[in-house]
Protein backbone atom coordinates (compact mmCIF):
# COMPACT_ATOMS: atom_id res chain seq x y z
CA MET A 1 -22.02 -13.56 1.04
CA ASN A 2 -20.09 -10.41 2.91
CA ALA A 3 -17.55 -8.97 2.12
CA PRO A 4 -14.59 -9.11 5.08
CA SER A 5 -14.08 -6.07 7.61
CA LEU A 6 -11.46 -4.12 8.45
CA THR A 7 -12.00 -5.86 11.50
CA ASP A 8 -11.77 -9.36 10.32
CA LEU A 9 -8.48 -8.25 8.97
CA SER A 10 -7.76 -6.47 11.90
CA ALA A 11 -8.50 -10.02 13.72
CA ARG A 12 -6.45 -12.04 11.01
CA LEU A 13 -3.08 -9.65 11.55
CA ALA A 14 -3.51 -10.09 15.50
CA GLN A 15 -3.21 -14.09 15.29
CA PRO A 16 0.04 -16.14 15.50
CA GLN A 17 0.64 -16.17 11.64
CA GLY A 18 -0.69 -12.28 11.21
CA ALA A 19 3.20 -11.35 10.98
CA ALA A 20 3.80 -13.15 7.45
CA LEU A 21 -0.02 -12.13 6.62
CA ARG A 22 0.78 -8.58 7.56
CA ASP A 23 4.18 -8.84 5.62
CA GLU A 24 2.41 -10.50 2.28
CA LEU A 25 -0.33 -8.04 1.77
CA ALA A 26 2.41 -4.67 2.11
CA ALA A 27 4.51 -6.37 -0.61
CA ARG A 28 1.57 -6.60 -2.67
CA VAL A 29 0.42 -3.29 -2.06
CA GLN A 30 4.24 -1.98 -2.96
CA ALA A 31 4.07 -3.66 -6.18
CA LEU A 32 0.91 -1.92 -6.79
CA GLU A 33 2.48 1.32 -5.82
CA LEU A 34 5.69 0.87 -8.44
CA ARG A 35 2.80 -0.11 -11.26
CA LEU A 36 0.70 3.26 -9.74
CA ARG A 37 4.10 5.62 -10.15
CA ALA A 38 5.39 3.78 -13.79
CA HIS A 39 2.52 4.54 -15.59
CA ILE A 40 1.69 7.79 -13.84
CA ALA A 41 5.65 8.69 -14.52
CA ALA A 42 5.34 6.94 -18.32
CA GLY A 43 2.43 9.78 -18.83
CA LEU A 44 -1.24 10.56 -18.48
CA PRO A 45 -3.64 13.25 -19.80
CA ARG A 46 -4.21 15.89 -17.60
CA ASP A 47 -7.87 14.56 -17.01
CA GLU A 48 -6.21 11.37 -15.14
CA PHE A 49 -3.18 12.47 -13.52
CA GLN A 50 -4.96 13.04 -9.67
CA ALA A 51 -6.84 9.28 -9.86
CA TRP A 52 -3.95 8.01 -10.34
CA GLN A 53 -1.81 10.00 -7.96
CA ALA A 54 -4.83 9.08 -5.07
CA ALA A 55 -3.98 5.96 -6.06
CA VAL A 56 -0.42 6.35 -4.97
CA GLU A 57 -1.40 8.12 -2.16
CA ALA A 58 -3.75 5.50 -0.83
CA ALA A 59 -0.60 2.45 -1.53
CA VAL A 60 1.20 4.55 0.84
CA ALA A 61 -0.96 5.27 3.08
CA ALA A 62 -1.74 0.79 3.01
CA ARG A 63 1.19 0.08 3.45
CA GLU A 64 2.07 2.86 6.25
CA VAL A 65 -0.96 1.24 8.27
CA LEU A 66 0.03 -2.47 7.50
CA ALA A 67 3.73 -1.82 9.16
CA ALA A 68 2.36 -0.37 12.03
CA GLN A 69 0.73 -3.85 12.16
CA CYS A 70 2.50 -6.06 15.00
CA PRO A 71 5.84 -4.64 14.09
CA GLU A 72 7.62 -6.27 16.64
CA SER A 73 7.22 -9.67 15.08
CA SER A 74 8.23 -7.90 11.56
CA ASN A 75 11.63 -10.11 10.24
CA SER A 76 11.17 -8.41 6.56
CA PRO A 77 9.91 -4.17 7.42
CA THR A 78 8.50 -3.27 4.73
CA PRO A 79 11.11 -0.20 2.51
CA THR A 80 9.28 3.09 2.24
CA MET A 81 9.45 5.16 -0.32
CA ALA A 82 8.63 9.41 0.05
CA PRO A 83 5.83 10.56 -1.70
CA THR A 84 6.68 12.36 -4.84
CA SER A 85 4.55 14.88 -7.05
CA PHE A 86 4.40 14.78 -10.28
CA THR A 87 3.75 18.46 -12.10
CA TYR A 88 3.40 19.26 -16.30
CA PRO A 89 5.15 21.84 -17.42
């Protein structure tokens, strides 16, 4: 079985129900981003920080890509959270 490709997702987002799919995916990505940020805020070993921060940045990028899809049909835009950086003392 082949995994869905980005073009498969693009095709689904272009369908009449694409805005609802986009909103659902954006909500899931935002929830993931919030969980990742909470985990980082709770404290991480130094050697794990970069990987977790990269995951946050990937979630932000995914939300931005989804927000750019069929914006004219969106009824519930996903709020944008500014990326934050965490530093160790």
